[in-house]
Amino acid sequence: MAEKLKRLGLENVRDLLFYYPWRYDDFSKPQKIISLRVGQEAIIKAKIFQIKQSRTRRKWMSIIEAVLADDSGEIKAIWFNQPFLIKILRPGTEWLFAGKVNWDFK
């Protein structure tokens, strides 16, 4: 563990006390899907309506696509190279999701 901490620049207790995360997401106030805007970093609380896994042709990369829904609407979420999510995220379960909103040109 000491080697892992040293790679982060943490060599003593003082370093650990003043080590702050580079990013903080506040999950206490999730937004509604209808209020999301393209380009915005957002956190939503949504139920998984549908989920599927596919692979790309060229690099054989795993793609997980899910349709998420709350009482205001639906949105599609995509994860790249995280095939384990298909075992964790099940239709009908509700989760908090964080990410950047992009436009799907399809």
PDB file of N, CA and C in Angstrom:
ATOM      1  N   MET A   1       0.828  -1.192   0.000  1.00  0.00           N
ATOM      2  CA  MET A   1       0.000   0.000   0.000  1.00  0.00           C
ATOM      3  C   MET A   1       0.876   1.262   0.000  1.00  0.00           C
ATOM      4  N   ALA A   2       2.011   1.183   0.692  1.00  0.00           N
ATOM      5  CA  ALA A   2       2.914   2.327   0.751  1.00  0.00           C
ATOM      6  C   ALA A   2       3.408   2.707  -0.644  1.00  0.00           C
ATOM      7  N   GLU A   3       3.661   1.713  -1.489  1.00  0.00           N
ATOM      8  CA  GLU A   3       4.107   1.980  -2.862  1.00  0.00           C
ATOM      9  C   GLU A   3       3.023   2.699  -3.664  1.00  0.00           C
ATOM     10  N   LYS A   4       1.787   2.275  -3.501  1.00  0.00           N
ATOM     11  CA  LYS A   4       0.674   2.913  -4.215  1.00  0.00           C
ATOM     12  C   LYS A   4       0.499   4.367  -3.773  1.00  0.00           C
ATOM     13  N   LEU A   5       0.600   4.600  -2.467  1.00  0.00           N
ATOM     14  CA  LEU A   5       0.468   5.964  -1.939  1.00  0.00           C
ATOM     15  C   LEU A   5       1.629   6.840  -2.405  1.00  0.00           C
ATOM     16  N   LYS A   6       2.810   6.260  -2.469  1.00  0.00           N
ATOM     17  CA  LYS A   6       3.985   7.020  -2.899  1.00  0.00           C
ATOM     18  C   LYS A   6       3.841   7.480  -4.351  1.00  0.00           C
ATOM     19  N   ARG A   7       3.222   6.647  -5.208  1.00  0.00           N
ATOM     20  CA  ARG A   7       2.987   7.034  -6.600  1.00  0.00           C
ATOM     21  C   ARG A   7       2.066   8.249  -6.702  1.00  0.00           C
ATOM     22  N   LEU A   8       1.203   8.424  -5.696  1.00  0.00           N
ATOM     23  CA  LEU A   8       0.314   9.588  -5.662  1.00  0.00           C
ATOM     24  C   LEU A   8       0.991  10.798  -5.018  1.00  0.00           C
ATOM     25  N   GLY A   9       2.205  10.615  -4.532  1.00  0.00           N
ATOM     26  CA  GLY A   9       2.922  11.712  -3.880  1.00  0.00           C
ATOM     27  C   GLY A   9       2.614  11.804  -2.396  1.00  0.00           C
ATOM     28  N   LEU A  10       2.058  10.740  -1.827  1.00  0.00           N
ATOM     29  CA  LEU A  10       1.699  10.711  -0.404  1.00  0.00           C
ATOM     30  C   LEU A  10       2.748   9.914   0.357  1.00  0.00           C
ATOM     31  N   GLU A  11       3.638  10.644   1.039  1.00  0.00           N
ATOM     32  CA  GLU A  11       4.731   9.979   1.737  1.00  0.00           C
ATOM     33  C   GLU A  11       4.627  10.081   3.250  1.00  0.00           C
ATOM     34  N   ASN A  12       3.778  10.995   3.765  1.00  0.00           N
ATOM     35  CA  ASN A  12       3.600  11.112   5.209  1.00  0.00           C
ATOM     36  C   ASN A  12       2.157  11.539   5.509  1.00  0.00           C
ATOM     37  N   VAL A  13       1.833  11.645   6.780  1.00  0.00           N
ATOM     38  CA  VAL A  13       0.459  11.966   7.195  1.00  0.00           C
ATOM     39  C   VAL A  13       0.054  13.357   6.709  1.00  0.00           C
ATOM     40  N   ARG A  14       0.970  14.293   6.724  1.00  0.00           N
ATOM     41  CA  ARG A  14       0.666  15.656   6.262  1.00  0.00           C
ATOM     42  C   ARG A  14       0.234  15.641   4.787  1.00  0.00           C
ATOM     43  N   ASP A  15       0.953  14.879   3.958  1.00  0.00           N
ATOM     44  CA  ASP A  15       0.579  14.765   2.545  1.00  0.00           C
ATOM     45  C   ASP A  15      -0.834  14.212   2.399  1.00  0.00           C
ATOM     46  N   LEU A  16      -1.168  13.243   3.220  1.00  0.00           N
ATOM     47  CA  LEU A  16      -2.496  12.625   3.164  1.00  0.00           C
ATOM     48  C   LEU A  16      -3.585  13.610   3.585  1.00  0.00           C
ATOM     49  N   LEU A  17      -3.317  14.402   4.610  1.00  0.00           N
ATOM     50  CA  LEU A  17      -4.310  15.377   5.088  1.00  0.00           C
ATOM     51  C   LEU A  17      -4.595  16.461   4.057  1.00  0.00           C
ATOM     52  N   PHE A  18      -3.614  16.802   3.254  1.00  0.00           N
ATOM     53  CA  PHE A  18      -3.785  17.869   2.268  1.00  0.00           C
ATOM     54  C   PHE A  18      -3.956  17.344   0.844  1.00  0.00           C
ATOM     55  N   TYR A  19      -4.301  16.081   0.728  1.00  0.00           N
ATOM     56  CA  TYR A  19      -4.572  15.488  -0.576  1.00  0.00           C
ATOM     57  C   TYR A  19      -6.069  15.630  -0.862  1.00  0.00           C
ATOM     58  N   TYR A  20      -6.411  16.447  -1.840  1.00  0.00           N
ATOM     59  CA  TYR A  20      -7.813  16.702  -2.170  1.00  0.00           C
ATOM     60  C   TYR A  20      -8.152  16.081  -3.521  1.00  0.00           C
ATOM     61  N   PRO A  21      -9.365  15.590  -3.654  1.00  0.00           N
ATOM     62  CA  PRO A  21      -9.762  15.033  -4.950  1.00  0.00           C
ATOM     63  C   PRO A  21      -9.783  16.122  -6.015  1.00  0.00           C
ATOM     64  N   TRP A  22      -9.460  15.752  -7.257  1.00  0.00           N
ATOM     65  CA  TRP A  22      -9.447  16.730  -8.350  1.00  0.00           C
ATOM     66  C   TRP A  22     -10.845  16.999  -8.861  1.00  0.00           C
ATOM     67  N   ARG A  23     -11.810  16.154  -8.490  1.00  0.00           N
ATOM     68  CA  ARG A  23     -13.180  16.314  -8.957  1.00  0.00           C
ATOM     69  C   ARG A  23     -14.135  15.881  -7.853  1.00  0.00           C
ATOM     70  N   TYR A  24     -15.265  16.567  -7.756  1.00  0.00           N
ATOM     71  CA  TYR A  24     -16.265  16.214  -6.759  1.00  0.00           C
ATOM     72  C   TYR A  24     -17.634  16.290  -7.417  1.00  0.00           C
ATOM     73  N   ASP A  25     -18.397  15.218  -7.343  1.00  0.00           N
ATOM     74  CA  ASP A  25     -19.756  15.194  -7.868  1.00  0.00           C
ATOM     75  C   ASP A  25     -20.729  15.177  -6.696  1.00  0.00           C
ATOM     76  N   ASP A  26     -21.685  16.107  -6.711  1.00  0.00           N
ATOM     77  CA  ASP A  26     -22.702  16.176  -5.665  1.00  0.00           C
ATOM     78  C   ASP A  26     -23.924  15.386  -6.127  1.00  0.00           C
ATOM     79  N   PHE A  27     -24.090  14.188  -5.583  1.00  0.00           N
ATOM     80  CA  PHE A  27     -25.188  13.318  -5.967  1.00  0.00           C
ATOM     81  C   PHE A  27     -26.463  13.586  -5.160  1.00  0.00           C
ATOM     82  N   SER A  28     -26.462  14.598  -4.301  1.00  0.00           N
ATOM     83  CA  SER A  28     -27.627  14.858  -3.445  1.00  0.00           C
ATOM     84  C   SER A  28     -28.775  15.543  -4.180  1.00  0.00           C
ATOM     85  N   LYS A  29     -28.497  16.156  -5.337  1.00  0.00           N
ATOM     86  CA  LYS A  29     -29.555  16.865  -6.070  1.00  0.00           C
ATOM     87  C   LYS A  29     -29.559  16.465  -7.536  1.00  0.00           C
ATOM     88  N   PRO A  30     -30.038  15.254  -7.837  1.00  0.00           N
ATOM     89  CA  PRO A  30     -30.081  14.839  -9.244  1.00  0.00           C
ATOM     90  C   PRO A  30     -31.092  15.659 -10.037  1.00  0.00           C
ATOM     91  N   GLN A  31     -30.819  15.817 -11.323  1.00  0.00           N
ATOM     92  CA  GLN A  31     -31.688  16.587 -12.201  1.00  0.00           C
ATOM     93  C   GLN A  31     -32.680  15.664 -12.906  1.00  0.00           C
ATOM     94  N   LYS A  32     -33.735  16.265 -13.441  1.00  0.00           N
ATOM     95  CA  LYS A  32     -34.694  15.541 -14.262  1.00  0.00           C
ATOM     96  C   LYS A  32     -34.147  15.470 -15.688  1.00  0.00           C
ATOM     97  N   ILE A  33     -34.460  14.415 -16.387  1.00  0.00           N
ATOM     98  CA  ILE A  33     -33.979  14.232 -17.759  1.00  0.00           C
ATOM     99  C   ILE A  33     -34.450  15.368 -18.662  1.00  0.00           C
ATOM    100  N   ILE A  34     -35.664  15.830 -18.474  1.00  0.00           N
ATOM    101  CA  ILE A  34     -36.215  16.888 -19.337  1.00  0.00           C
ATOM    102  C   ILE A  34     -35.431  18.199 -19.230  1.00  0.00           C
ATOM    103  N   SER A  35     -34.734  18.414 -18.106  1.00  0.00           N
ATOM    104  CA  SER A  35     -34.017  19.682 -17.906  1.00  0.00           C
ATOM    105  C   SER A  35     -32.577  19.645 -18.430  1.00  0.00           C
ATOM    106  N   LEU A  36     -32.119  18.511 -18.947  1.00  0.00           N
ATOM    107  CA  LEU A  36     -30.732  18.390 -19.404  1.00  0.00           C
ATOM    108  C   LEU A  36     -30.505  19.150 -20.703  1.00  0.00           C
ATOM    109  N   ARG A  37     -29.289  19.687 -20.869  1.00  0.00           N
ATOM    110  CA  ARG A  37     -28.900  20.417 -22.070  1.00  0.00           C
ATOM    111  C   ARG A  37     -27.607  19.837 -22.626  1.00  0.00           C
ATOM    112  N   VAL A  38     -27.440  19.868 -23.930  1.00  0.00           N
ATOM    113  CA  VAL A  38     -26.250  19.342 -24.593  1.00  0.00           C
ATOM    114  C   VAL A  38     -25.009  20.078 -24.093  1.00  0.00           C
ATOM    115  N   GLY A  39     -23.957  19.320 -23.785  1.00  0.00           N
ATOM    116  CA  GLY A  39     -22.705  19.889 -23.307  1.00  0.00           C
ATOM    117  C   GLY A  39     -22.606  20.002 -21.799  1.00  0.00           C
ATOM    118  N   GLN A  40     -23.675  19.763 -21.107  1.00  0.00           N
ATOM    119  CA  GLN A  40     -23.738  19.925 -19.663  1.00  0.00           C
ATOM    120  C   GLN A  40     -23.274  18.649 -18.951  1.00  0.00           C
ATOM    121  N   GLU A  41     -22.520  18.808 -17.864  1.00  0.00           N
ATOM    122  CA  GLU A  41     -22.220  17.696 -16.965  1.00  0.00           C
ATOM    123  C   GLU A  41     -23.435  17.550 -16.058  1.00  0.00           C
ATOM    124  N   ALA A  42     -23.965  16.346 -15.934  1.00  0.00           N
ATOM    125  CA  ALA A  42     -25.217  16.181 -15.200  1.00  0.00           C
ATOM    126  C   ALA A  42     -25.214  14.917 -14.357  1.00  0.00           C
ATOM    127  N   ILE A  43     -26.070  14.934 -13.340  1.00  0.00           N
ATOM    128  CA  ILE A  43     -26.337  13.766 -12.510  1.00  0.00           C
ATOM    129  C   ILE A  43     -27.848  13.560 -12.536  1.00  0.00           C
ATOM    130  N   ILE A  44     -28.259  12.329 -12.858  1.00  0.00           N
ATOM    131  CA  ILE A  44     -29.681  12.014 -12.885  1.00  0.00           C
ATOM    132  C   ILE A  44     -29.945  10.762 -12.059  1.00  0.00           C
ATOM    133  N   LYS A  45     -31.174  10.661 -11.572  1.00  0.00           N
ATOM    134  CA  LYS A  45     -31.641   9.450 -10.901  1.00  0.00           C
ATOM    135  C   LYS A  45     -32.664   8.846 -11.841  1.00  0.00           C
ATOM    136  N   ALA A  46     -32.345   7.665 -12.388  1.00  0.00           N
ATOM    137  CA  ALA A  46     -33.207   7.082 -13.408  1.00  0.00           C
ATOM    138  C   ALA A  46     -33.259   5.571 -13.287  1.00  0.00           C
ATOM    139  N   LYS A  47     -34.324   5.024 -13.844  1.00  0.00           N
ATOM    140  CA  LYS A  47     -34.519   3.582 -13.887  1.00  0.00           C
ATOM    141  C   LYS A  47     -34.040   3.068 -15.241  1.00  0.00           C
ATOM    142  N   ILE A  48     -33.413   1.925 -15.231  1.00  0.00           N
ATOM    143  CA  ILE A  48     -32.954   1.313 -16.474  1.00  0.00           C
ATOM    144  C   ILE A  48     -34.151   0.648 -17.140  1.00  0.00           C
ATOM    145  N   PHE A  49     -34.490   1.131 -18.316  1.00  0.00           N
ATOM    146  CA  PHE A  49     -35.620   0.604 -19.067  1.00  0.00           C
ATOM    147  C   PHE A  49     -35.172  -0.564 -19.947  1.00  0.00           C
ATOM    148  N   GLN A  50     -34.023  -0.400 -20.595  1.00  0.00           N
ATOM    149  CA  GLN A  50     -33.496  -1.415 -21.511  1.00  0.00           C
ATOM    150  C   GLN A  50     -31.973  -1.299 -21.527  1.00  0.00           C
ATOM    151  N   ILE A  51     -31.283  -2.439 -21.668  1.00  0.00           N
ATOM    152  CA  ILE A  51     -29.825  -2.418 -21.732  1.00  0.00           C
ATOM    153  C   ILE A  51     -29.345  -3.526 -22.673  1.00  0.00           C
ATOM    154  N   LYS A  52     -28.297  -3.219 -23.452  1.00  0.00           N
ATOM    155  CA  LYS A  52     -27.748  -4.222 -24.366  1.00  0.00           C
ATOM    156  C   LYS A  52     -26.255  -3.996 -24.544  1.00  0.00           C
ATOM    157  N   GLN A  53     -25.568  -5.055 -24.959  1.00  0.00           N
ATOM    158  CA  GLN A  53     -24.126  -4.998 -25.203  1.00  0.00           C
ATOM    159  C   GLN A  53     -23.860  -5.314 -26.663  1.00  0.00           C
ATOM    160  N   SER A  54     -22.905  -4.587 -27.245  1.00  0.00           N
ATOM    161  CA  SER A  54     -22.474  -4.864 -28.619  1.00  0.00           C
ATOM    162  C   SER A  54     -20.966  -4.655 -28.700  1.00  0.00           C
ATOM    163  N   ARG A  55     -20.414  -4.963 -29.859  1.00  0.00           N
ATOM    164  CA  ARG A  55     -18.976  -4.787 -30.072  1.00  0.00           C
ATOM    165  C   ARG A  55     -18.754  -4.034 -31.375  1.00  0.00           C
ATOM    166  N   THR A  56     -17.675  -3.241 -31.414  1.00  0.00           N
ATOM    167  CA  THR A  56     -17.332  -2.539 -32.641  1.00  0.00           C
ATOM    168  C   THR A  56     -16.644  -3.505 -33.591  1.00  0.00           C
ATOM    169  N   ARG A  57     -16.676  -3.210 -34.862  1.00  0.00           N
ATOM    170  CA  ARG A  57     -16.068  -4.094 -35.861  1.00  0.00           C
ATOM    171  C   ARG A  57     -14.553  -3.967 -35.902  1.00  0.00           C
ATOM    172  N   ARG A  58     -14.054  -2.763 -35.849  1.00  0.00           N
ATOM    173  CA  ARG A  58     -12.623  -2.536 -36.043  1.00  0.00           C
ATOM    174  C   ARG A  58     -11.757  -2.958 -34.863  1.00  0.00           C
ATOM    175  N   LYS A  59     -12.041  -2.431 -33.699  1.00  0.00           N
ATOM    176  CA  LYS A  59     -11.167  -2.672 -32.547  1.00  0.00           C
ATOM    177  C   LYS A  59     -11.745  -3.694 -31.564  1.00  0.00           C
ATOM    178  N   TRP A  60     -12.889  -4.247 -31.908  1.00  0.00           N
ATOM    179  CA  TRP A  60     -13.560  -5.230 -31.064  1.00  0.00           C
ATOM    180  C   TRP A  60     -13.763  -4.690 -29.640  1.00  0.00           C
ATOM    181  N   MET A  61     -14.168  -3.429 -29.563  1.00  0.00           N
ATOM    182  CA  MET A  61     -14.397  -2.752 -28.304  1.00  0.00           C
ATOM    183  C   MET A  61     -15.829  -3.021 -27.826  1.00  0.00           C
ATOM    184  N   SER A  62     -15.999  -3.229 -26.543  1.00  0.00           N
ATOM    185  CA  SER A  62     -17.314  -3.463 -25.955  1.00  0.00           C
ATOM    186  C   SER A  62     -18.053  -2.140 -25.783  1.00  0.00           C
ATOM    187  N   ILE A  63     -19.336  -2.141 -26.163  1.00  0.00           N
ATOM    188  CA  ILE A  63     -20.185  -0.965 -25.992  1.00  0.00           C
ATOM    189  C   ILE A  63     -21.449  -1.396 -25.257  1.00  0.00           C
ATOM    190  N   ILE A  64     -21.745  -0.725 -24.154  1.00  0.00           N
ATOM    191  CA  ILE A  64     -22.974  -0.963 -23.408  1.00  0.00           C
ATOM    192  C   ILE A  64     -23.888   0.228 -23.660  1.00  0.00           C
ATOM    193  N   GLU A  65     -25.106  -0.033 -24.112  1.00  0.00           N
ATOM    194  CA  GLU A  65     -26.097   1.015 -24.344  1.00  0.00           C
ATOM    195  C   GLU A  65     -27.310   0.732 -23.467  1.00  0.00           C
ATOM    196  N   ALA A  66     -27.780   1.767 -22.773  1.00  0.00           N
ATOM    197  CA  ALA A  66     -28.945   1.626 -21.908  1.00  0.00           C
ATOM    198  C   ALA A  66     -29.905   2.781 -22.151  1.00  0.00           C
ATOM    199  N   VAL A  67     -31.187   2.476 -22.083  1.00  0.00           N
ATOM    200  CA  VAL A  67     -32.217   3.512 -22.115  1.00  0.00           C
ATOM    201  C   VAL A  67     -32.616   3.751 -20.671  1.00  0.00           C
ATOM    202  N   LEU A  68     -32.426   4.990 -20.222  1.00  0.00           N
ATOM    203  CA  LEU A  68     -32.732   5.387 -18.848  1.00  0.00           C
ATOM    204  C   LEU A  68     -33.987   6.241 -18.845  1.00  0.00           C
ATOM    205  N   ALA A  69     -34.814   6.087 -17.826  1.00  0.00           N
ATOM    206  CA  ALA A  69     -36.063   6.848 -17.770  1.00  0.00           C
ATOM    207  C   ALA A  69     -36.348   7.320 -16.350  1.00  0.00           C
ATOM    208  N   ASP A  70     -36.872   8.531 -16.265  1.00  0.00           N
ATOM    209  CA  ASP A  70     -37.454   9.016 -15.014  1.00  0.00           C
ATOM    210  C   ASP A  70     -38.863   9.500 -15.356  1.00  0.00           C
ATOM    211  N   ASP A  71     -39.522  10.171 -14.433  1.00  0.00           N
ATOM    212  CA  ASP A  71     -40.905  10.587 -14.695  1.00  0.00           C
ATOM    213  C   ASP A  71     -41.018  11.731 -15.699  1.00  0.00           C
ATOM    214  N   SER A  72     -39.871  12.292 -16.137  1.00  0.00           N
ATOM    215  CA  SER A  72     -39.930  13.411 -17.088  1.00  0.00           C
ATOM    216  C   SER A  72     -39.539  13.016 -18.514  1.00  0.00           C
ATOM    217  N   GLY A  73     -38.919  11.854 -18.699  1.00  0.00           N
ATOM    218  CA  GLY A  73     -38.519  11.464 -20.044  1.00  0.00           C
ATOM    219  C   GLY A  73     -37.506  10.336 -20.064  1.00  0.00           C
ATOM    220  N   GLU A  74     -36.918  10.128 -21.246  1.00  0.00           N
ATOM    221  CA  GLU A  74     -35.938   9.068 -21.452  1.00  0.00           C
ATOM    222  C   GLU A  74     -34.662   9.630 -22.062  1.00  0.00           C
ATOM    223  N   ILE A  75     -33.555   8.919 -21.833  1.00  0.00           N
ATOM    224  CA  ILE A  75     -32.265   9.288 -22.409  1.00  0.00           C
ATOM    225  C   ILE A  75     -31.453   8.010 -22.609  1.00  0.00           C
ATOM    226  N   LYS A  76     -30.569   8.016 -23.587  1.00  0.00           N
ATOM    227  CA  LYS A  76     -29.708   6.860 -23.823  1.00  0.00           C
ATOM    228  C   LYS A  76     -28.343   7.125 -23.212  1.00  0.00           C
ATOM    229  N   ALA A  77     -27.817   6.124 -22.519  1.00  0.00           N
ATOM    230  CA  ALA A  77     -26.476   6.199 -21.932  1.00  0.00           C
ATOM    231  C   ALA A  77     -25.587   5.178 -22.628  1.00  0.00           C
ATOM    232  N   ILE A  78     -24.316   5.541 -22.830  1.00  0.00           N
ATOM    233  CA  ILE A  78     -23.367   4.657 -23.497  1.00  0.00           C
ATOM    234  C   ILE A  78     -22.080   4.594 -22.676  1.00  0.00           C
ATOM    235  N   TRP A  79     -21.573   3.362 -22.507  1.00  0.00           N
ATOM    236  CA  TRP A  79     -20.296   3.129 -21.845  1.00  0.00           C
ATOM    237  C   TRP A  79     -19.403   2.341 -22.796  1.00  0.00           C
ATOM    238  N   PHE A  80     -18.140   2.717 -22.874  1.00  0.00           N
ATOM    239  CA  PHE A  80     -17.179   2.048 -23.740  1.00  0.00           C
ATOM    240  C   PHE A  80     -16.211   1.203 -22.917  1.00  0.00           C
ATOM    241  N   ASN A  81     -15.933  -0.013 -23.393  1.00  0.00           N
ATOM    242  CA  ASN A  81     -14.970  -0.932 -22.778  1.00  0.00           C
ATOM    243  C   ASN A  81     -15.216  -1.182 -21.293  1.00  0.00           C
ATOM    244  N   GLN A  82     -16.469  -1.352 -20.907  1.00  0.00           N
ATOM    245  CA  GLN A  82     -16.812  -1.709 -19.538  1.00  0.00           C
ATOM    246  C   GLN A  82     -17.855  -2.835 -19.558  1.00  0.00           C
ATOM    247  N   PRO A  83     -17.483  -4.005 -20.092  1.00  0.00           N
ATOM    248  CA  PRO A  83     -18.450  -5.083 -20.273  1.00  0.00           C
ATOM    249  C   PRO A  83     -19.051  -5.615 -18.974  1.00  0.00           C
ATOM    250  N   PHE A  84     -18.389  -5.421 -17.842  1.00  0.00           N
ATOM    251  CA  PHE A  84     -18.905  -5.888 -16.561  1.00  0.00           C
ATOM    252  C   PHE A  84     -20.220  -5.204 -16.176  1.00  0.00           C
ATOM    253  N   LEU A  85     -20.497  -4.033 -16.748  1.00  0.00           N
ATOM    254  CA  LEU A  85     -21.716  -3.299 -16.405  1.00  0.00           C
ATOM    255  C   LEU A  85     -22.983  -4.047 -16.791  1.00  0.00           C
ATOM    256  N   ILE A  86     -22.919  -4.873 -17.802  1.00  0.00           N
ATOM    257  CA  ILE A  86     -24.093  -5.619 -18.241  1.00  0.00           C
ATOM    258  C   ILE A  86     -24.565  -6.584 -17.146  1.00  0.00           C
ATOM    259  N   LYS A  87     -23.650  -7.008 -16.268  1.00  0.00           N
ATOM    260  CA  LYS A  87     -23.997  -7.902 -15.163  1.00  0.00           C
ATOM    261  C   LYS A  87     -24.535  -7.140 -13.954  1.00  0.00           C
ATOM    262  N   ILE A  88     -24.169  -5.866 -13.838  1.00  0.00           N
ATOM    263  CA  ILE A  88     -24.543  -5.065 -12.674  1.00  0.00           C
ATOM    264  C   ILE A  88     -25.837  -4.283 -12.909  1.00  0.00           C
ATOM    265  N   LEU A  89     -25.918  -3.632 -14.057  1.00  0.00           N
ATOM    266  CA  LEU A  89     -27.069  -2.781 -14.373  1.00  0.00           C
ATOM    267  C   LEU A  89     -28.180  -3.627 -14.990  1.00  0.00           C
ATOM    268  N   ARG A  90     -29.261  -3.814 -14.280  1.00  0.00           N
ATOM    269  CA  ARG A  90     -30.374  -4.652 -14.726  1.00  0.00           C
ATOM    270  C   ARG A  90     -31.617  -3.809 -15.008  1.00  0.00           C
ATOM    271  N   PRO A  91     -32.384  -4.175 -16.031  1.00  0.00           N
ATOM    272  CA  PRO A  91     -33.641  -3.456 -16.306  1.00  0.00           C
ATOM    273  C   PRO A  91     -34.554  -3.461 -15.074  1.00  0.00           C
ATOM    274  N   GLY A  92     -35.164  -2.303 -14.842  1.00  0.00           N
ATOM    275  CA  GLY A  92     -36.068  -2.153 -13.702  1.00  0.00           C
ATOM    276  C   GLY A  92     -35.415  -1.630 -12.442  1.00  0.00           C
ATOM    277  N   THR A  93     -34.069  -1.572 -12.410  1.00  0.00           N
ATOM    278  CA  THR A  93     -33.387  -1.048 -11.226  1.00  0.00           C
ATOM    279  C   THR A  93     -33.109   0.444 -11.399  1.00  0.00           C
ATOM    280  N   GLU A  94     -33.087   1.149 -10.290  1.00  0.00           N
ATOM    281  CA  GLU A  94     -32.872   2.600 -10.316  1.00  0.00           C
ATOM    282  C   GLU A  94     -31.471   2.916  -9.798  1.00  0.00           C
ATOM    283  N   TRP A  95     -30.773   3.827 -10.488  1.00  0.00           N
ATOM    284  CA  TRP A  95     -29.415   4.200 -10.156  1.00  0.00           C
ATOM    285  C   TRP A  95     -29.243   5.714 -10.308  1.00  0.00           C
ATOM    286  N   LEU A  96     -28.157   6.215  -9.737  1.00  0.00           N
ATOM    287  CA  LEU A  96     -27.714   7.577  -9.992  1.00  0.00           C
ATOM    288  C   LEU A  96     -26.637   7.507 -11.069  1.00  0.00           C
ATOM    289  N   PHE A  97     -26.760   8.338 -12.097  1.00  0.00           N
ATOM    290  CA  PHE A  97     -25.815   8.347 -13.214  1.00  0.00           C
ATOM    291  C   PHE A  97     -25.207   9.733 -13.355  1.00  0.00           C
ATOM    292  N   ALA A  98     -23.908   9.795 -13.626  1.00  0.00           N
ATOM    293  CA  ALA A  98     -23.219  11.064 -13.838  1.00  0.00           C
ATOM    294  C   ALA A  98     -22.489  11.007 -15.170  1.00  0.00           C
ATOM    295  N   GLY A  99     -22.513  12.110 -15.903  1.00  0.00           N
ATOM    296  CA  GLY A  99     -21.807  12.151 -17.170  1.00  0.00           C
ATOM    297  C   GLY A  99     -22.106  13.409 -17.942  1.00  0.00           C
ATOM    298  N   LYS A 100     -21.564  13.468 -19.140  1.00  0.00           N
ATOM    299  CA  LYS A 100     -21.746  14.631 -20.010  1.00  0.00           C
ATOM    300  C   LYS A 100     -22.845  14.328 -21.031  1.00  0.00           C
ATOM    301  N   VAL A 101     -23.722  15.278 -21.217  1.00  0.00           N
ATOM    302  CA  VAL A 101     -24.826  15.136 -22.162  1.00  0.00           C
ATOM    303  C   VAL A 101     -24.336  15.497 -23.561  1.00  0.00           C
ATOM    304  N   ASN A 102     -24.505  14.574 -24.495  1.00  0.00           N
ATOM    305  CA  ASN A 102     -24.139  14.794 -25.894  1.00  0.00           C
ATOM    306  C   ASN A 102     -25.330  14.498 -26.781  1.00  0.00           C
ATOM    307  N   TRP A 103     -25.277  15.000 -27.987  1.00  0.00           N
ATOM    308  CA  TRP A 103     -26.324  14.790 -28.972  1.00  0.00           C
ATOM    309  C   TRP A 103     -26.001  13.533 -29.778  1.00  0.00           C
ATOM    310  N   ASP A 104     -26.971  12.661 -29.947  1.00  0.00           N
ATOM    311  CA  ASP A 104     -26.802  11.470 -30.767  1.00  0.00           C
ATOM    312  C   ASP A 104     -27.285  11.815 -32.172  1.00  0.00           C
ATOM    313  N   PHE A 105     -26.367  11.792 -33.122  1.00  0.00           N
ATOM    314  CA  PHE A 105     -26.688  12.226 -34.481  1.00  0.00           C
ATOM    315  C   PHE A 105     -27.485  11.200 -35.278  1.00  0.00           C
ATOM    316  N   LYS A 106     -27.687   9.989 -34.747  1.00  0.00           N
ATOM    317  CA  LYS A 106     -28.487   8.984 -35.413  1.00  0.00           C
ATOM    318  C   LYS A 106     -29.942   9.339 -35.280  1.00  0.00           C
TER     319      LYS A 106
END
